[in-house]
Amino acid sequence: MNRLIGNIILFILLAIFIVGCDGDQIMSPRDLENIPFDPQPYVVDVPDGFPILEIPEDNPMTLEGVELGRRLFYDPILSADSTVSCASCHFPELAFTDGLRRSVGISGQQTSRNSMSLVNVGFYYSGLFWDGRVQTLEEQSLHPIEDPIEQGNDLDALIEKLKVHEDYAARFRMAFGIVDRSQINRKLIGKAIAQWERIIVSGNSRYDQYTRGEISLTDEEDLGHSMFFDFDDGFKDAECNHCHNVPLFTANSYHNNGLDSVGNDYTLFKDIGLGINGIENDTGRFRTPTLRNIALTAPYMHDGRFMSLDDVLNHYNSGIQPARNKDPLVANLEISQESRDALLAFMEALTDTSYLKIPQVSNPF
């Protein structure tokens, strides 16, 4: 908590600095070297029991870098026609998803996949996106910019816009110490957005408060908790914990969870998922999403095919489809309505929007 307060104070001081008596110089710099370069550390408040937040040596967390990343994330300037920001598909109040089956990008084009939550994305170390196509946040943050359906831009064209943008030129100086506008590049854009994404940390749900001994779960939540982790021999194991491990409630891995009936013919998959890596047996496998804030992130699955958590439970209860590479732990549960209700109650107990109280998370515009 002290770290969070310290970061808030630093954020306020930076805001005062930018709009204060020297504001004209900062907002309209003729010489970037005249702008002070004194980046202040940003320490992310990581909940107890969470993995170590790995920070790249060449991209340390700073208040100035996080603030630059925040502005880039929320600014539609990143798209070719300045209509689509990263936030267009990642709403904070929806755990940074968008509530659509498949996201909508530039010129109203529909993407082929559902928007993934960015909550706790800084802890994902086994690839990003549904298909694991990139390994780092620094790389991930650039892909939507040049995707022809998402933001449809050319990074070189975006860089030219940022070079002549007085506010951004100054902020790149304060974040990364550049001395000339020509030093703004794609690597620095990716670093700034990645720094900001790493501050989106959620770990204070009712479940977390329960594990810390602060509250008790309701009887229904407690039953769902027991089924989720197979703690109660009197109720059937819901098999959730195999792929949704604590504390992140994802195994950080890729699974075929029986969505489509393809048998042994992998060519029947409409979306090959992890199979982009060229390994046939990975075809149709997708990143297992976190269940933290899952009640906020409908629709579900990589293609948004299920509109509610009840639909998801219908699938796992009786809708599992055959495929040679289906995860062996995924099978029709055939559990009672009482058990289903309890699982839903427990998943609701994983909701936590405390990250919205972090000033640097909100839209700055």
Protein backbone atom coordinates (compact mmCIF):
# COMPACT_ATOMS: atom_id res chain seq x y z
CA MET A 1 0.00 0.00 0.00
CA ASN A 2 2.88 2.37 0.78
CA ARG A 3 4.28 1.67 -2.65
CA LEU A 4 0.95 2.49 -4.25
CA ILE A 5 0.71 5.79 -2.32
CA GLY A 6 4.25 6.64 -3.36
CA ASN A 7 3.43 6.00 -7.01
CA ILE A 8 0.32 8.18 -6.74
CA ILE A 9 2.36 11.04 -5.27
CA LEU A 10 4.93 10.74 -8.05
CA PHE A 11 2.13 10.72 -10.62
CA ILE A 12 0.64 13.93 -9.18
CA LEU A 13 4.05 15.63 -9.14
CA LEU A 14 4.58 14.69 -12.78
CA ALA A 15 1.19 16.11 -13.74
CA ILE A 16 1.99 19.36 -11.92
CA PHE A 17 5.36 19.50 -13.64
CA ILE A 18 3.82 19.12 -17.10
CA VAL A 19 1.12 21.77 -16.71
CA GLY A 20 2.97 24.10 -14.35
CA CYS A 21 4.95 27.26 -14.93
CA ASP A 22 7.34 25.52 -17.34
CA GLY A 23 4.48 23.88 -19.19
CA ASP A 24 4.94 25.91 -22.37
CA GLN A 25 8.49 24.66 -22.69
CA ILE A 26 7.43 21.04 -22.12
CA MET A 27 4.46 21.10 -24.46
CA SER A 28 6.30 22.96 -27.26
CA PRO A 29 9.93 21.91 -26.99
CA ARG A 30 12.36 23.32 -29.52
CA ASP A 31 15.19 21.34 -28.08
CA LEU A 32 14.49 18.07 -26.27
CA GLU A 33 17.77 18.31 -24.41
CA ASN A 34 16.35 21.26 -22.48
CA ILE A 35 13.72 18.98 -20.97
CA PRO A 36 14.89 17.33 -17.74
CA PHE A 37 15.48 13.58 -17.90
CA ASP A 38 15.13 12.20 -14.39
CA PRO A 39 12.85 9.13 -14.54
CA GLN A 40 11.37 8.04 -11.22
CA PRO A 41 10.98 4.32 -10.41
CA TYR A 42 7.50 2.84 -10.51
CA VAL A 43 7.10 -0.10 -8.14
CA VAL A 44 4.14 -2.34 -8.96
CA ASP A 45 2.17 -3.46 -5.91
CA VAL A 46 2.21 -7.25 -6.43
CA PRO A 47 -0.19 -9.22 -4.18
CA ASP A 48 1.27 -11.73 -1.74
CA GLY A 49 1.51 -15.18 -3.27
CA PHE A 50 1.71 -13.94 -6.85
CA PRO A 51 4.66 -14.85 -9.08
CA ILE A 52 7.56 -12.44 -9.38
CA LEU A 53 6.77 -9.70 -11.87
CA GLU A 54 9.65 -10.08 -14.29
CA ILE A 55 10.84 -6.72 -15.60
CA PRO A 56 13.19 -6.69 -18.62
CA GLU A 57 16.58 -5.20 -17.80
CA ASP A 58 16.32 -2.87 -20.79
CA ASN A 59 12.84 -1.64 -19.85
CA PRO A 60 12.74 -0.75 -16.14
CA MET A 61 9.44 0.53 -14.77
CA THR A 62 9.34 4.32 -14.37
CA LEU A 63 6.57 6.76 -13.65
CA GLU A 64 7.32 8.59 -16.88
CA GLY A 65 7.35 5.39 -18.96
CA VAL A 66 4.04 4.22 -17.48
CA GLU A 67 2.44 7.59 -18.13
CA LEU A 68 3.63 7.60 -21.75
CA GLY A 69 2.33 4.06 -22.20
CA ARG A 70 -1.02 5.00 -20.70
CA ARG A 71 -1.47 7.85 -23.16
CA LEU A 72 -0.47 5.73 -26.13
CA PHE A 73 -2.89 2.99 -25.04
CA TYR A 74 -5.87 5.32 -24.84
CA ASP A 75 -4.99 7.51 -27.86
CA PRO A 76 -6.63 6.67 -31.22
CA ILE A 77 -3.61 8.29 -32.89
CA LEU A 78 -2.20 4.76 -33.01
CA SER A 79 -4.67 3.78 -35.76
CA ALA A 80 -4.35 4.80 -39.41
CA ASP A 81 -7.32 7.17 -39.30
CA SER A 82 -7.13 8.09 -35.59
CA THR A 83 -10.42 6.36 -34.75
CA VAL A 84 -9.33 3.20 -32.90
CA SER A 85 -7.26 3.11 -29.73
CA CYS A 86 -6.08 0.04 -27.83
CA ALA A 87 -8.82 0.90 -25.33
CA SER A 88 -11.43 0.51 -28.08
CA CYS A 89 -11.16 -3.26 -27.54
CA HIS A 90 -10.06 -3.22 -23.90
CA PHE A 91 -12.44 -1.42 -21.52
CA PRO A 92 -11.15 -1.08 -17.94
CA GLU A 93 -14.56 -1.72 -16.40
CA LEU A 94 -14.81 -5.03 -18.33
CA ALA A 95 -11.42 -6.24 -17.09
CA PHE A 96 -9.99 -4.82 -20.30
CA THR A 97 -12.22 -6.76 -22.70
CA ASP A 98 -14.94 -5.21 -24.88
CA GLY A 99 -18.15 -7.21 -24.35
CA LEU A 100 -18.31 -8.32 -28.00
CA ARG A 101 -18.13 -11.80 -29.49
CA ARG A 102 -15.36 -10.60 -31.75
CA SER A 103 -13.74 -7.21 -31.56
CA VAL A 104 -14.28 -4.43 -34.07
CA GLY A 105 -11.34 -2.59 -35.57
CA ILE A 106 -10.71 0.15 -38.11
CA SER A 107 -13.52 0.97 -40.56
CA GLY A 108 -15.87 -1.25 -38.59
CA GLN A 109 -14.08 -4.46 -39.58
CA GLN A 110 -14.69 -7.46 -37.33
CA THR A 111 -11.73 -9.43 -36.05
CA SER A 112 -11.75 -13.23 -35.94
CA ARG A 113 -11.28 -13.51 -32.17
CA ASN A 114 -12.62 -12.38 -28.84
CA SER A 115 -10.73 -9.68 -26.95
CA MET A 116 -8.61 -11.14 -24.14
CA SER A 117 -8.44 -9.59 -20.68
CA LEU A 118 -5.29 -7.61 -19.90
CA VAL A 119 -5.66 -8.07 -16.14
CA ASN A 120 -2.42 -9.55 -14.75
CA VAL A 121 -1.02 -9.84 -18.28
CA GLY A 122 2.42 -8.88 -16.95
CA PHE A 123 2.67 -12.33 -15.36
CA TYR A 124 2.18 -14.30 -18.59
CA TYR A 125 5.52 -15.80 -19.55
CA SER A 126 4.53 -18.49 -22.04
CA GLY A 127 3.38 -16.46 -25.01
CA LEU A 128 0.64 -13.91 -25.57
CA PHE A 129 -2.52 -13.65 -27.67
CA TRP A 130 -4.84 -16.64 -28.02
CA ASP A 131 -2.25 -18.37 -30.23
CA GLY A 132 0.93 -17.51 -28.32
CA ARG A 133 2.43 -15.82 -31.35
CA VAL A 134 4.68 -13.45 -29.34
CA GLN A 135 6.67 -13.86 -26.16
CA THR A 136 6.91 -10.38 -24.62
CA LEU A 137 4.59 -7.48 -23.86
CA GLU A 138 7.02 -5.20 -25.66
CA GLU A 139 6.40 -7.14 -28.86
CA GLN A 140 2.70 -7.80 -28.22
CA SER A 141 1.83 -4.13 -27.88
CA LEU A 142 2.90 -3.38 -31.46
CA HIS A 143 0.94 -6.10 -33.26
CA PRO A 144 -2.54 -4.50 -33.14
CA ILE A 145 -1.14 -1.24 -34.55
CA GLU A 146 -0.13 -2.84 -37.84
CA ASP A 147 -2.91 -5.43 -38.00
CA PRO A 148 -5.00 -4.43 -41.08
CA ILE A 149 -8.26 -5.15 -39.27
CA GLU A 150 -7.46 -3.81 -35.79
CA GLN A 151 -5.70 -0.43 -36.14
CA GLY A 152 -4.55 -0.72 -39.74
CA ASN A 153 -1.55 1.54 -39.35
CA ASP A 154 2.04 1.53 -40.50
CA LEU A 155 4.46 1.88 -37.61
CA ASP A 156 6.78 4.10 -39.60
CA ALA A 157 3.85 6.42 -40.37
CA LEU A 158 2.86 6.46 -36.69
CA ILE A 159 6.42 7.28 -35.68
CA GLU A 160 6.40 10.29 -38.01
CA LYS A 161 3.19 11.51 -36.33
CA LEU A 162 4.74 11.14 -32.89
CA LYS A 163 7.93 12.95 -33.92
CA VAL A 164 6.01 16.14 -34.74
CA HIS A 165 3.62 15.82 -31.79
CA GLU A 166 4.89 18.26 -29.17
CA ASP A 167 3.47 16.47 -26.15
CA TYR A 168 4.65 13.00 -27.17
CA ALA A 169 8.13 14.18 -28.17
CA ALA A 170 8.55 15.64 -24.68
CA ARG A 171 7.20 12.51 -23.00
CA PHE A 172 9.56 10.21 -24.92
CA ARG A 173 12.37 12.44 -23.72
CA MET A 174 11.23 12.23 -20.08
CA ALA A 175 10.65 8.47 -20.26
CA PHE A 176 13.64 7.29 -22.27
CA GLY A 177 16.11 10.17 -22.42
CA ILE A 178 16.05 10.73 -26.17
CA VAL A 179 17.72 13.96 -27.25
CA ASP A 180 16.27 14.17 -30.74
CA ARG A 181 12.83 13.44 -32.18
CA SER A 182 14.41 11.11 -34.73
CA GLN A 183 15.14 8.71 -31.85
CA ILE A 184 11.46 7.90 -31.38
CA ASN A 185 11.11 4.37 -32.72
CA ARG A 186 8.95 1.26 -32.57
CA LYS A 187 11.01 -0.27 -29.79
CA LEU A 188 10.33 2.69 -27.48
CA ILE A 189 6.62 2.65 -28.34
CA GLY A 190 6.46 -1.03 -27.40
CA LYS A 191 8.41 -0.46 -24.21
CA ALA A 192 6.12 2.32 -23.02
CA ILE A 193 2.89 0.41 -23.61
CA ALA A 194 4.38 -2.71 -22.01
CA GLN A 195 5.33 -0.75 -18.89
CA TRP A 196 1.76 0.45 -18.57
CA GLU A 197 0.27 -3.00 -19.12
CA ARG A 198 2.38 -4.37 -16.27
CA ILE A 199 0.62 -2.15 -13.72
CA ILE A 200 -2.81 -3.77 -14.37
CA VAL A 201 -2.72 -6.11 -11.39
CA SER A 202 -5.78 -7.70 -9.79
CA GLY A 203 -5.60 -9.79 -6.63
CA ASN A 204 -8.18 -8.58 -4.13
CA SER A 205 -11.34 -10.53 -4.94
CA ARG A 206 -13.62 -12.10 -2.34
CA TYR A 207 -11.65 -15.29 -2.90
CA ASP A 208 -8.37 -13.48 -2.09
CA GLN A 209 -9.90 -11.90 0.99
CA TYR A 210 -11.05 -15.37 2.04
CA THR A 211 -7.58 -16.88 1.59
CA ARG A 212 -6.16 -14.07 3.72
CA GLY A 213 -8.64 -14.90 6.48
CA GLU A 214 -10.48 -11.58 6.18
CA ILE A 215 -13.93 -12.91 5.23
CA SER A 216 -15.84 -16.16 4.94
CA LEU A 217 -17.31 -17.42 1.69
CA THR A 218 -21.05 -17.99 1.46
CA ASP A 219 -22.18 -21.61 1.65
CA GLU A 220 -22.74 -21.63 -2.10
CA GLU A 221 -19.37 -20.03 -2.85
CA ASP A 222 -17.71 -22.49 -0.49
CA LEU A 223 -19.26 -25.46 -2.28
CA GLY A 224 -18.10 -24.06 -5.61
CA HIS A 225 -14.65 -23.55 -4.13
CA SER A 226 -14.54 -27.17 -3.00
CA MET A 227 -15.61 -28.43 -6.43
CA PHE A 228 -13.20 -26.15 -8.26
CA PHE A 229 -10.22 -27.55 -6.32
CA ASP A 230 -11.69 -31.02 -5.60
CA PHE A 231 -11.62 -30.52 -1.84
CA ASP A 232 -14.90 -32.36 -1.05
CA ASP A 233 -15.26 -36.08 -1.70
CA GLY A 234 -19.02 -35.69 -1.45
CA PHE A 235 -19.23 -33.69 -4.67
CA LYS A 236 -17.85 -34.45 -8.10
CA ASP A 237 -14.60 -32.71 -9.08
CA ALA A 238 -15.38 -29.90 -11.53
CA GLU A 239 -11.91 -30.38 -13.08
CA CYS A 240 -11.31 -26.60 -13.20
CA ASN A 241 -8.04 -26.41 -11.31
CA HIS A 242 -6.12 -28.46 -13.87
CA CYS A 243 -6.07 -25.56 -16.34
CA HIS A 244 -6.89 -22.61 -14.06
CA ASN A 245 -4.23 -22.70 -11.36
CA VAL A 246 -3.89 -20.29 -8.47
CA PRO A 247 -2.93 -17.56 -8.02
CA LEU A 248 -3.50 -16.34 -11.60
CA PHE A 249 -6.29 -18.83 -12.31
CA THR A 250 -4.63 -19.82 -15.55
CA ALA A 251 -1.98 -22.44 -16.18
CA ASN A 252 -0.29 -20.10 -18.66
CA SER A 253 -0.59 -22.87 -21.23
CA TYR A 254 -2.62 -23.89 -24.29
CA HIS A 255 -5.37 -26.48 -24.52
CA ASN A 256 -7.93 -27.99 -26.81
CA ASN A 257 -10.98 -27.94 -24.55
CA GLY A 258 -13.31 -29.87 -26.81
CA LEU A 259 -15.01 -27.01 -28.62
CA ASP A 260 -15.10 -28.56 -32.09
CA SER A 261 -15.65 -32.07 -33.40
CA VAL A 262 -12.70 -32.76 -35.70
CA GLY A 263 -11.72 -36.29 -34.77
CA ASN A 264 -8.29 -36.93 -36.27
CA ASP A 265 -8.65 -34.39 -39.08
CA TYR A 266 -6.94 -31.20 -37.93
CA THR A 267 -7.82 -29.47 -41.22
CA LEU A 268 -11.38 -29.15 -39.90
CA PHE A 269 -10.32 -26.51 -37.36
CA LYS A 270 -11.54 -23.12 -38.57
CA ASP A 271 -8.88 -21.44 -36.42
CA ILE A 272 -5.60 -23.31 -35.93
CA GLY A 273 -4.65 -21.40 -32.76
CA LEU A 274 -1.27 -22.45 -31.38
CA GLY A 275 -0.81 -24.48 -34.57
CA ILE A 276 0.77 -21.40 -36.15
CA ASN A 277 3.97 -22.79 -34.64
CA GLY A 278 3.92 -25.55 -37.28
CA ILE A 279 3.37 -28.38 -34.79
CA GLU A 280 0.38 -30.40 -36.00
CA ASN A 281 -0.69 -31.55 -32.54
CA ASP A 282 -0.94 -27.93 -31.39
CA THR A 283 -3.61 -27.19 -33.99
CA GLY A 284 -6.80 -25.98 -32.33
CA ARG A 285 -5.15 -25.30 -28.99
CA PHE A 286 -5.64 -21.87 -27.44
CA ARG A 287 -4.28 -19.99 -24.46
CA THR A 288 -6.26 -20.77 -21.31
CA PRO A 289 -7.62 -17.40 -20.14
CA THR A 290 -7.59 -16.29 -16.54
CA LEU A 291 -10.76 -16.79 -14.52
CA ARG A 292 -10.02 -13.67 -12.50
CA ASN A 293 -12.82 -11.22 -13.29
CA ILE A 294 -14.35 -13.86 -15.55
CA ALA A 295 -17.86 -12.63 -14.68
CA LEU A 296 -16.99 -9.33 -16.41
CA THR A 297 -15.51 -10.68 -19.63
CA ALA A 298 -18.37 -12.29 -21.59
CA PRO A 299 -18.61 -13.53 -24.31
CA TYR A 300 -16.27 -16.48 -23.85
CA MET A 301 -13.77 -18.66 -25.76
CA HIS A 302 -11.40 -17.50 -28.48
CA ASP A 303 -14.26 -16.84 -30.89
CA GLY A 304 -16.78 -15.55 -28.35
CA ARG A 305 -19.19 -18.39 -29.08
CA PHE A 306 -20.61 -18.57 -25.54
CA MET A 307 -22.54 -15.52 -24.39
CA SER A 308 -22.68 -16.35 -20.67
CA LEU A 309 -20.94 -18.38 -17.99
CA ASP A 310 -24.01 -20.60 -17.95
CA ASP A 311 -23.35 -21.38 -21.61
CA VAL A 312 -19.76 -22.22 -20.71
CA LEU A 313 -20.95 -24.65 -18.04
CA ASN A 314 -23.34 -26.22 -20.55
CA HIS A 315 -20.33 -26.94 -22.72
CA TYR A 316 -18.28 -28.52 -19.95
CA ASN A 317 -21.26 -30.38 -18.55
CA SER A 318 -22.44 -32.10 -21.72
CA GLY A 319 -21.03 -30.46 -24.85
CA ILE A 320 -17.42 -31.68 -25.11
CA GLN A 321 -16.53 -32.57 -28.71
CA PRO A 322 -14.02 -35.23 -29.87
CA ALA A 323 -10.58 -34.37 -31.22
CA ARG A 324 -7.33 -36.31 -31.16
CA ASN A 325 -5.53 -33.59 -29.21
CA LYS A 326 -8.35 -32.75 -26.79
CA ASP A 327 -6.97 -32.35 -23.32
CA PRO A 328 -7.47 -35.69 -21.53
CA LEU A 329 -8.71 -33.92 -18.40
CA VAL A 330 -11.56 -32.27 -20.33
CA ALA A 331 -14.67 -34.45 -20.33
CA ASN A 332 -18.40 -34.02 -19.84
CA LEU A 333 -18.89 -33.32 -16.12
CA GLU A 334 -22.57 -34.23 -15.85
CA ILE A 335 -22.99 -32.35 -12.58
CA SER A 336 -26.21 -31.28 -10.91
CA GLN A 337 -27.86 -27.87 -11.09
CA GLU A 338 -26.88 -27.29 -7.47
CA SER A 339 -23.25 -27.88 -8.35
CA ARG A 340 -23.47 -25.62 -11.40
CA ASP A 341 -24.94 -22.80 -9.32
CA ALA A 342 -22.17 -23.23 -6.77
CA LEU A 343 -19.46 -23.04 -9.43
CA LEU A 344 -21.01 -19.88 -10.84
CA ALA A 345 -21.10 -18.36 -7.37
CA PHE A 346 -17.43 -19.15 -6.84
CA MET A 347 -16.45 -17.68 -10.20
CA GLU A 348 -18.34 -14.51 -9.28
CA ALA A 349 -16.19 -14.43 -6.12
CA LEU A 350 -13.12 -14.02 -8.37
CA THR A 351 -14.25 -10.54 -9.39
CA ASP A 352 -11.96 -7.68 -8.35
CA THR A 353 -11.88 -4.23 -9.91
CA SER A 354 -9.60 -2.59 -7.37
CA TYR A 355 -7.11 -1.94 -10.18
CA LEU A 356 -9.51 0.77 -11.38
CA LYS A 357 -8.48 2.84 -8.33
CA ILE A 358 -4.91 3.14 -9.60
CA PRO A 359 -4.76 6.63 -11.17
CA GLN A 360 -2.42 5.56 -13.94
CA VAL A 361 -4.89 2.91 -15.17
CA SER A 362 -7.62 5.35 -16.16
CA ASN A 363 -8.08 7.22 -19.45
CA PRO A 364 -5.99 10.43 -19.29
CA PHE A 365 -7.93 12.25 -22.02
